[in-house]
Amino acid sequence: MTTLLDPTTRQLTHGPIDGCGSILASYGGGRISVELAHSKITNDLLPSQIEGERGTIQIDHLSTPRNVRIDYRGDVVRGSATEAPREQGDNGRVLDLPKSSNTMEYELTDFITAIGGIDSVKEEIWETPAGRHELGHYRDVTLVSLRIMDAVRQQAGITFPADAGKQA
Protein backbone atom coordinates (compact mmCIF):
# COMPACT_ATOMS: atom_id res chain seq x y z
CA MET A 1 0.00 0.00 0.00
CA THR A 2 1.47 3.31 -1.03
CA THR A 3 0.38 6.93 -0.91
CA LEU A 4 1.98 8.77 -3.81
CA LEU A 5 2.86 12.44 -3.66
CA ASP A 6 0.67 14.90 -5.54
CA PRO A 7 1.00 14.51 -9.34
CA THR A 8 2.09 18.16 -9.63
CA THR A 9 5.43 17.18 -8.02
CA ARG A 10 6.28 14.78 -10.84
CA GLN A 11 7.96 17.46 -12.94
CA LEU A 12 10.46 17.84 -10.08
CA THR A 13 10.83 14.13 -9.33
CA HIS A 14 10.60 12.86 -12.94
CA GLY A 15 7.90 10.36 -11.95
CA PRO A 16 5.73 9.17 -9.09
CA ILE A 17 7.24 9.22 -5.60
CA ASP A 18 5.83 7.54 -2.51
CA GLY A 19 5.12 9.75 0.48
CA CYS A 20 4.26 6.91 2.84
CA GLY A 21 3.06 3.35 2.85
CA SER A 22 3.22 -0.06 4.36
CA ILE A 23 4.75 -3.31 3.17
CA LEU A 24 3.54 -6.77 4.12
CA ALA A 25 6.20 -9.32 3.26
CA SER A 26 6.93 -12.94 4.07
CA TYR A 27 9.92 -15.22 3.94
CA GLY A 28 10.88 -18.69 5.06
CA GLY A 29 8.39 -20.24 2.68
CA GLY A 30 5.64 -17.98 4.03
CA ARG A 31 6.18 -19.11 7.62
CA ILE A 32 7.41 -15.68 8.75
CA SER A 33 5.67 -12.39 7.98
CA VAL A 34 6.91 -8.85 8.38
CA GLU A 35 4.99 -5.57 8.35
CA LEU A 36 6.97 -2.41 7.59
CA ALA A 37 5.63 1.15 7.66
CA HIS A 38 7.54 3.99 6.03
CA SER A 39 6.98 7.70 5.61
CA LYS A 40 8.72 10.74 4.24
CA ILE A 41 5.83 13.04 5.11
CA THR A 42 5.07 12.18 8.74
CA ASN A 43 7.07 11.78 11.94
CA ASP A 44 6.00 8.76 13.96
CA LEU A 45 7.19 9.10 17.54
CA LEU A 46 6.48 5.48 18.48
CA PRO A 47 9.38 3.08 19.00
CA SER A 48 10.11 0.38 16.47
CA GLN A 49 9.05 -3.04 17.61
CA ILE A 50 10.23 -6.50 16.61
CA GLU A 51 7.91 -9.25 17.79
CA GLY A 52 8.90 -12.88 17.99
CA GLU A 53 7.63 -16.07 19.50
CA ARG A 54 9.76 -15.66 22.62
CA GLY A 55 9.52 -11.91 23.18
CA THR A 56 9.45 -8.35 21.88
CA ILE A 57 12.28 -5.89 21.24
CA GLN A 58 11.50 -2.15 21.40
CA ILE A 59 13.96 0.32 19.85
CA ASP A 60 13.43 4.03 20.51
CA HIS A 61 14.94 5.35 17.23
CA LEU A 62 15.79 2.64 14.72
CA SER A 63 18.47 4.57 12.83
CA THR A 64 20.05 6.02 15.99
CA PRO A 65 19.08 3.73 18.88
CA ARG A 66 19.63 5.07 22.37
CA ASN A 67 17.26 2.84 24.33
CA VAL A 68 16.51 -0.79 23.56
CA ARG A 69 14.36 -3.04 25.70
CA ILE A 70 13.68 -6.76 25.38
CA ASP A 71 10.55 -8.16 26.99
CA TYR A 72 10.54 -11.95 27.15
CA ARG A 73 7.28 -13.84 27.14
CA GLY A 74 6.47 -16.03 30.10
CA ASP A 75 6.22 -19.80 29.90
CA VAL A 76 3.49 -20.99 27.58
CA VAL A 77 0.95 -23.29 29.20
CA ARG A 78 0.20 -26.02 26.66
CA GLY A 79 -2.48 -28.66 26.54
CA SER A 80 -5.45 -26.43 27.25
CA ALA A 81 -7.98 -25.19 24.72
CA THR A 82 -5.82 -22.08 24.31
CA GLU A 83 -2.14 -21.47 24.77
CA ALA A 84 -1.35 -18.43 26.87
CA PRO A 85 1.82 -17.00 28.33
CA ARG A 86 2.17 -17.29 32.09
CA GLU A 87 4.03 -14.30 33.49
CA GLN A 88 7.02 -14.92 35.71
CA GLY A 89 7.76 -11.55 37.31
CA ASP A 90 9.70 -8.91 35.41
CA ASN A 91 10.71 -10.51 32.14
CA GLY A 92 12.19 -7.32 30.68
CA ARG A 93 15.76 -6.24 30.15
CA VAL A 94 17.16 -2.89 29.03
CA LEU A 95 20.25 -3.16 26.82
CA ASP A 96 23.24 -0.97 27.57
CA LEU A 97 24.16 0.48 24.18
CA PRO A 98 27.62 1.86 23.43
CA LYS A 99 27.61 5.61 22.83
CA SER A 100 28.94 6.87 19.52
CA SER A 101 29.07 10.32 17.95
CA ASN A 102 28.74 8.75 14.48
CA THR A 103 25.57 6.71 13.99
CA MET A 104 27.19 4.63 11.24
CA GLU A 105 30.45 3.95 13.09
CA TYR A 106 30.07 0.18 13.31
CA GLU A 107 28.77 -0.25 9.76
CA LEU A 108 31.62 1.91 8.47
CA THR A 109 34.18 -0.12 10.44
CA ASP A 110 32.81 -3.37 8.95
CA PHE A 111 32.76 -1.84 5.46
CA ILE A 112 36.40 -0.70 5.72
CA THR A 113 37.40 -4.14 7.02
CA ALA A 114 35.58 -5.82 4.14
CA ILE A 115 37.07 -3.57 1.44
CA GLY A 116 40.56 -3.78 2.91
CA GLY A 117 40.35 -7.54 3.18
CA ILE A 118 39.01 -8.42 -0.24
CA ASP A 119 42.47 -8.93 -1.78
CA SER A 120 44.18 -10.29 1.33
CA VAL A 121 41.55 -12.67 2.72
CA LYS A 122 42.61 -16.26 2.19
CA GLU A 123 39.68 -17.89 3.99
CA GLU A 124 35.97 -17.76 3.24
CA ILE A 125 35.06 -16.79 6.83
CA TRP A 126 36.51 -13.70 8.48
CA GLU A 127 36.00 -11.60 11.60
CA THR A 128 34.42 -8.13 11.74
CA PRO A 129 33.28 -6.04 14.71
CA ALA A 130 29.73 -7.34 13.99
CA GLY A 131 30.86 -10.98 14.15
CA ARG A 132 31.94 -13.77 11.83
CA HIS A 133 30.78 -13.61 8.23
CA GLU A 134 31.39 -15.32 4.95
CA LEU A 135 33.18 -13.08 2.49
CA GLY A 136 30.08 -12.54 0.30
CA HIS A 137 27.72 -11.85 3.22
CA TYR A 138 27.44 -8.08 2.74
CA ARG A 139 27.14 -8.37 -1.03
CA ASP A 140 24.36 -10.95 -0.69
CA VAL A 141 22.44 -8.91 1.89
CA THR A 142 22.73 -5.80 -0.31
CA LEU A 143 21.52 -7.61 -3.46
CA VAL A 144 18.53 -9.18 -1.68
CA SER A 145 17.62 -5.79 -0.17
CA LEU A 146 17.79 -4.11 -3.60
CA ARG A 147 15.59 -6.81 -5.17
CA ILE A 148 12.98 -6.34 -2.43
CA MET A 149 13.06 -2.53 -2.78
CA ASP A 150 12.70 -2.82 -6.57
CA ALA A 151 9.72 -5.18 -6.23
CA VAL A 152 8.03 -2.90 -3.68
CA ARG A 153 8.40 0.24 -5.79
CA GLN A 154 7.31 -1.54 -8.97
CA GLN A 155 4.17 -2.84 -7.23
CA ALA A 156 3.48 0.75 -6.12
CA GLY A 157 3.82 2.01 -9.71
CA ILE A 158 7.02 3.95 -9.04
CA THR A 159 9.43 3.95 -11.97
CA PHE A 160 12.91 5.33 -12.42
CA PRO A 161 14.36 6.64 -15.70
CA ALA A 162 16.71 3.60 -15.74
CA ASP A 163 13.62 1.35 -15.86
CA ALA A 164 12.77 2.48 -19.40
CA GLY A 165 12.82 -0.46 -21.78
CA LYS A 166 12.97 -3.09 -19.02
CA GLN A 167 10.24 -5.66 -18.73
CA ALA A 168 8.76 -6.34 -15.31
C-alpha atoms as a PDB file:
ATOM      1  CA  MET A   1       0.000   0.000   0.000  1.00  0.00           C
ATOM      2  CA  THR A   2       1.469   3.312  -1.030  1.00  0.00           C
ATOM      3  CA  THR A   3       0.383   6.932  -0.913  1.00  0.00           C
ATOM      4  CA  LEU A   4       1.980   8.772  -3.815  1.00  0.00           C
ATOM      5  CA  LEU A   5       2.858  12.443  -3.663  1.00  0.00           C
ATOM      6  CA  ASP A   6       0.669  14.897  -5.540  1.00  0.00           C
ATOM      7  CA  PRO A   7       0.995  14.512  -9.345  1.00  0.00           C
ATOM      8  CA  THR A   8       2.095  18.161  -9.633  1.00  0.00           C
ATOM      9  CA  THR A   9       5.428  17.183  -8.016  1.00  0.00           C
ATOM     10  CA  ARG A  10       6.280  14.783 -10.841  1.00  0.00           C
ATOM     11  CA  GLN A  11       7.960  17.465 -12.940  1.00  0.00           C
ATOM     12  CA  LEU A  12      10.455  17.844 -10.083  1.00  0.00           C
ATOM     13  CA  THR A  13      10.826  14.130  -9.332  1.00  0.00           C
ATOM     14  CA  HIS A  14      10.600  12.855 -12.937  1.00  0.00           C
ATOM     15  CA  GLY A  15       7.901  10.364 -11.947  1.00  0.00           C
ATOM     16  CA  PRO A  16       5.726   9.171  -9.093  1.00  0.00           C
ATOM     17  CA  ILE A  17       7.241   9.224  -5.596  1.00  0.00           C
ATOM     18  CA  ASP A  18       5.828   7.541  -2.513  1.00  0.00           C
ATOM     19  CA  GLY A  19       5.121   9.746   0.477  1.00  0.00           C
ATOM     20  CA  CYS A  20       4.261   6.905   2.837  1.00  0.00           C
ATOM     21  CA  GLY A  21       3.061   3.353   2.852  1.00  0.00           C
ATOM     22  CA  SER A  22       3.221  -0.063   4.360  1.00  0.00           C
ATOM     23  CA  ILE A  23       4.751  -3.313   3.171  1.00  0.00           C
ATOM     24  CA  LEU A  24       3.544  -6.768   4.124  1.00  0.00           C
ATOM     25  CA  ALA A  25       6.198  -9.325   3.259  1.00  0.00           C
ATOM     26  CA  SER A  26       6.927 -12.937   4.072  1.00  0.00           C
ATOM     27  CA  TYR A  27       9.921 -15.222   3.941  1.00  0.00           C
ATOM     28  CA  GLY A  28      10.884 -18.692   5.061  1.00  0.00           C
ATOM     29  CA  GLY A  29       8.393 -20.238   2.681  1.00  0.00           C
ATOM     30  CA  GLY A  30       5.640 -17.984   4.031  1.00  0.00           C
ATOM     31  CA  ARG A  31       6.183 -19.106   7.618  1.00  0.00           C
ATOM     32  CA  ILE A  32       7.408 -15.676   8.748  1.00  0.00           C
ATOM     33  CA  SER A  33       5.673 -12.394   7.980  1.00  0.00           C
ATOM     34  CA  VAL A  34       6.911  -8.850   8.382  1.00  0.00           C
ATOM     35  CA  GLU A  35       4.994  -5.569   8.347  1.00  0.00           C
ATOM     36  CA  LEU A  36       6.969  -2.412   7.590  1.00  0.00           C
ATOM     37  CA  ALA A  37       5.628   1.146   7.664  1.00  0.00           C
ATOM     38  CA  HIS A  38       7.541   3.986   6.027  1.00  0.00           C
ATOM     39  CA  SER A  39       6.978   7.697   5.609  1.00  0.00           C
ATOM     40  CA  LYS A  40       8.724  10.742   4.241  1.00  0.00           C
ATOM     41  CA  ILE A  41       5.828  13.043   5.114  1.00  0.00           C
ATOM     42  CA  THR A  42       5.068  12.175   8.743  1.00  0.00           C
ATOM     43  CA  ASN A  43       7.065  11.784  11.938  1.00  0.00           C
ATOM     44  CA  ASP A  44       6.002   8.759  13.956  1.00  0.00           C
ATOM     45  CA  LEU A  45       7.191   9.099  17.537  1.00  0.00           C
ATOM     46  CA  LEU A  46       6.483   5.480  18.483  1.00  0.00           C
ATOM     47  CA  PRO A  47       9.381   3.077  18.997  1.00  0.00           C
ATOM     48  CA  SER A  48      10.113   0.377  16.470  1.00  0.00           C
ATOM     49  CA  GLN A  49       9.046  -3.042  17.614  1.00  0.00           C
ATOM     50  CA  ILE A  50      10.227  -6.498  16.611  1.00  0.00           C
ATOM     51  CA  GLU A  51       7.909  -9.250  17.788  1.00  0.00           C
ATOM     52  CA  GLY A  52       8.898 -12.881  17.988  1.00  0.00           C
ATOM     53  CA  GLU A  53       7.631 -16.073  19.501  1.00  0.00           C
ATOM     54  CA  ARG A  54       9.758 -15.657  22.620  1.00  0.00           C
ATOM     55  CA  GLY A  55       9.516 -11.914  23.178  1.00  0.00           C
ATOM     56  CA  THR A  56       9.449  -8.350  21.884  1.00  0.00           C
ATOM     57  CA  ILE A  57      12.276  -5.885  21.237  1.00  0.00           C
ATOM     58  CA  GLN A  58      11.504  -2.149  21.399  1.00  0.00           C
ATOM     59  CA  ILE A  59      13.961   0.318  19.854  1.00  0.00           C
ATOM     60  CA  ASP A  60      13.432   4.032  20.509  1.00  0.00           C
ATOM     61  CA  HIS A  61      14.939   5.352  17.235  1.00  0.00           C
ATOM     62  CA  LEU A  62      15.792   2.640  14.721  1.00  0.00           C
ATOM     63  CA  SER A  63      18.473   4.572  12.830  1.00  0.00           C
ATOM     64  CA  THR A  64      20.048   6.015  15.992  1.00  0.00           C
ATOM     65  CA  PRO A  65      19.082   3.733  18.881  1.00  0.00           C
ATOM     66  CA  ARG A  66      19.626   5.073  22.371  1.00  0.00           C
ATOM     67  CA  ASN A  67      17.265   2.843  24.331  1.00  0.00           C
ATOM     68  CA  VAL A  68      16.510  -0.793  23.557  1.00  0.00           C
ATOM     69  CA  ARG A  69      14.355  -3.038  25.699  1.00  0.00           C
ATOM     70  CA  ILE A  70      13.683  -6.761  25.377  1.00  0.00           C
ATOM     71  CA  ASP A  71      10.553  -8.164  26.993  1.00  0.00           C
ATOM     72  CA  TYR A  72      10.540 -11.947  27.151  1.00  0.00           C
ATOM     73  CA  ARG A  73       7.279 -13.845  27.136  1.00  0.00           C
ATOM     74  CA  GLY A  74       6.470 -16.027  30.097  1.00  0.00           C
ATOM     75  CA  ASP A  75       6.224 -19.803  29.900  1.00  0.00           C
ATOM     76  CA  VAL A  76       3.495 -20.993  27.580  1.00  0.00           C
ATOM     77  CA  VAL A  77       0.952 -23.288  29.201  1.00  0.00           C
ATOM     78  CA  ARG A  78       0.202 -26.015  26.658  1.00  0.00           C
ATOM     79  CA  GLY A  79      -2.476 -28.663  26.535  1.00  0.00           C
ATOM     80  CA  SER A  80      -5.446 -26.435  27.249  1.00  0.00           C
ATOM     81  CA  ALA A  81      -7.984 -25.187  24.719  1.00  0.00           C
ATOM     82  CA  THR A  82      -5.822 -22.082  24.307  1.00  0.00           C
ATOM     83  CA  GLU A  83      -2.143 -21.469  24.772  1.00  0.00           C
ATOM     84  CA  ALA A  84      -1.355 -18.432  26.867  1.00  0.00           C
ATOM     85  CA  PRO A  85       1.823 -16.999  28.331  1.00  0.00           C
ATOM     86  CA  ARG A  86       2.167 -17.288  32.090  1.00  0.00           C
ATOM     87  CA  GLU A  87       4.027 -14.297  33.491  1.00  0.00           C
ATOM     88  CA  GLN A  88       7.023 -14.917  35.710  1.00  0.00           C
ATOM     89  CA  GLY A  89       7.755 -11.550  37.309  1.00  0.00           C
ATOM     90  CA  ASP A  90       9.700  -8.914  35.414  1.00  0.00           C
ATOM     91  CA  ASN A  91      10.714 -10.514  32.137  1.00  0.00           C
ATOM     92  CA  GLY A  92      12.191  -7.323  30.678  1.00  0.00           C
ATOM     93  CA  ARG A  93      15.758  -6.244  30.151  1.00  0.00           C
ATOM     94  CA  VAL A  94      17.163  -2.895  29.027  1.00  0.00           C
ATOM     95  CA  LEU A  95      20.249  -3.161  26.823  1.00  0.00           C
ATOM     96  CA  ASP A  96      23.240  -0.967  27.568  1.00  0.00           C
ATOM     97  CA  LEU A  97      24.160   0.481  24.180  1.00  0.00           C
ATOM     98  CA  PRO A  98      27.617   1.857  23.426  1.00  0.00           C
ATOM     99  CA  LYS A  99      27.607   5.610  22.828  1.00  0.00           C
ATOM    100  CA  SER A 100      28.945   6.865  19.523  1.00  0.00           C
ATOM    101  CA  SER A 101      29.071  10.316  17.950  1.00  0.00           C
ATOM    102  CA  ASN A 102      28.736   8.752  14.477  1.00  0.00           C
ATOM    103  CA  THR A 103      25.565   6.707  13.994  1.00  0.00           C
ATOM    104  CA  MET A 104      27.185   4.634  11.245  1.00  0.00           C
ATOM    105  CA  GLU A 105      30.448   3.953  13.092  1.00  0.00           C
ATOM    106  CA  TYR A 106      30.065   0.181  13.307  1.00  0.00           C
ATOM    107  CA  GLU A 107      28.774  -0.254   9.761  1.00  0.00           C
ATOM    108  CA  LEU A 108      31.624   1.906   8.468  1.00  0.00           C
ATOM    109  CA  THR A 109      34.179  -0.120  10.437  1.00  0.00           C
ATOM    110  CA  ASP A 110      32.814  -3.368   8.954  1.00  0.00           C
ATOM    111  CA  PHE A 111      32.764  -1.844   5.456  1.00  0.00           C
ATOM    112  CA  ILE A 112      36.401  -0.701   5.719  1.00  0.00           C
ATOM    113  CA  THR A 113      37.401  -4.135   7.023  1.00  0.00           C
ATOM    114  CA  ALA A 114      35.581  -5.818   4.137  1.00  0.00           C
ATOM    115  CA  ILE A 115      37.072  -3.573   1.441  1.00  0.00           C
ATOM    116  CA  GLY A 116      40.563  -3.781   2.913  1.00  0.00           C
ATOM    117  CA  GLY A 117      40.346  -7.537   3.181  1.00  0.00           C
ATOM    118  CA  ILE A 118      39.011  -8.424  -0.244  1.00  0.00           C
ATOM    119  CA  ASP A 119      42.467  -8.928  -1.782  1.00  0.00           C
ATOM    120  CA  SER A 120      44.183 -10.287   1.329  1.00  0.00           C
ATOM    121  CA  VAL A 121      41.550 -12.671   2.716  1.00  0.00           C
ATOM    122  CA  LYS A 122      42.610 -16.256   2.188  1.00  0.00           C
ATOM    123  CA  GLU A 123      39.679 -17.885   3.985  1.00  0.00           C
ATOM    124  CA  GLU A 124      35.972 -17.762   3.238  1.00  0.00           C
ATOM    125  CA  ILE A 125      35.058 -16.793   6.834  1.00  0.00           C
ATOM    126  CA  TRP A 126      36.507 -13.702   8.483  1.00  0.00           C
ATOM    127  CA  GLU A 127      36.003 -11.596  11.601  1.00  0.00           C
ATOM    128  CA  THR A 128      34.422  -8.127  11.737  1.00  0.00           C
ATOM    129  CA  PRO A 129      33.276  -6.042  14.715  1.00  0.00           C
ATOM    130  CA  ALA A 130      29.735  -7.340  13.989  1.00  0.00           C
ATOM    131  CA  GLY A 131      30.861 -10.979  14.151  1.00  0.00           C
ATOM    132  CA  ARG A 132      31.945 -13.774  11.832  1.00  0.00           C
ATOM    133  CA  HIS A 133      30.777 -13.610   8.227  1.00  0.00           C
ATOM    134  CA  GLU A 134      31.389 -15.324   4.946  1.00  0.00           C
ATOM    135  CA  LEU A 135      33.178 -13.080   2.491  1.00  0.00           C
ATOM    136  CA  GLY A 136      30.078 -12.543   0.302  1.00  0.00           C
ATOM    137  CA  HIS A 137      27.719 -11.851   3.219  1.00  0.00           C
ATOM    138  CA  TYR A 138      27.436  -8.084   2.741  1.00  0.00           C
ATOM    139  CA  ARG A 139      27.135  -8.367  -1.034  1.00  0.00           C
ATOM    140  CA  ASP A 140      24.359 -10.948  -0.694  1.00  0.00           C
ATOM    141  CA  VAL A 141      22.442  -8.905   1.891  1.00  0.00           C
ATOM    142  CA  THR A 142      22.730  -5.804  -0.315  1.00  0.00           C
ATOM    143  CA  LEU A 143      21.520  -7.614  -3.459  1.00  0.00           C
ATOM    144  CA  VAL A 144      18.532  -9.177  -1.682  1.00  0.00           C
ATOM    145  CA  SER A 145      17.619  -5.790  -0.171  1.00  0.00           C
ATOM    146  CA  LEU A 146      17.792  -4.112  -3.596  1.00  0.00           C
ATOM    147  CA  ARG A 147      15.595  -6.806  -5.173  1.00  0.00           C
ATOM    148  CA  ILE A 148      12.983  -6.336  -2.432  1.00  0.00           C
ATOM    149  CA  MET A 149      13.058  -2.535  -2.778  1.00  0.00           C
ATOM    150  CA  ASP A 150      12.697  -2.819  -6.570  1.00  0.00           C
ATOM    151  CA  ALA A 151       9.720  -5.184  -6.225  1.00  0.00           C
ATOM    152  CA  VAL A 152       8.030  -2.895  -3.684  1.00  0.00           C
ATOM    153  CA  ARG A 153       8.401   0.244  -5.787  1.00  0.00           C
ATOM    154  CA  GLN A 154       7.309  -1.538  -8.974  1.00  0.00           C
ATOM    155  CA  GLN A 155       4.166  -2.844  -7.229  1.00  0.00           C
ATOM    156  CA  ALA A 156       3.480   0.750  -6.119  1.00  0.00           C
ATOM    157  CA  GLY A 157       3.824   2.014  -9.708  1.00  0.00           C
ATOM    158  CA  ILE A 158       7.024   3.951  -9.043  1.00  0.00           C
ATOM    159  CA  THR A 159       9.428   3.949 -11.965  1.00  0.00           C
ATOM    160  CA  PHE A 160      12.915   5.326 -12.418  1.00  0.00           C
ATOM    161  CA  PRO A 161      14.364   6.642 -15.697  1.00  0.00           C
ATOM    162  CA  ALA A 162      16.708   3.600 -15.744  1.00  0.00           C
ATOM    163  CA  ASP A 163      13.620   1.347 -15.856  1.00  0.00           C
ATOM    164  CA  ALA A 164      12.766   2.478 -19.403  1.00  0.00           C
ATOM    165  CA  GLY A 165      12.817  -0.460 -21.780  1.00  0.00           C
ATOM    166  CA  LYS A 166      12.969  -3.089 -19.015  1.00  0.00           C
ATOM    167  CA  GLN A 167      10.238  -5.661 -18.734  1.00  0.00           C
ATOM    168  CA  ALA A 168       8.759  -6.341 -15.306  1.00  0.00           C
END
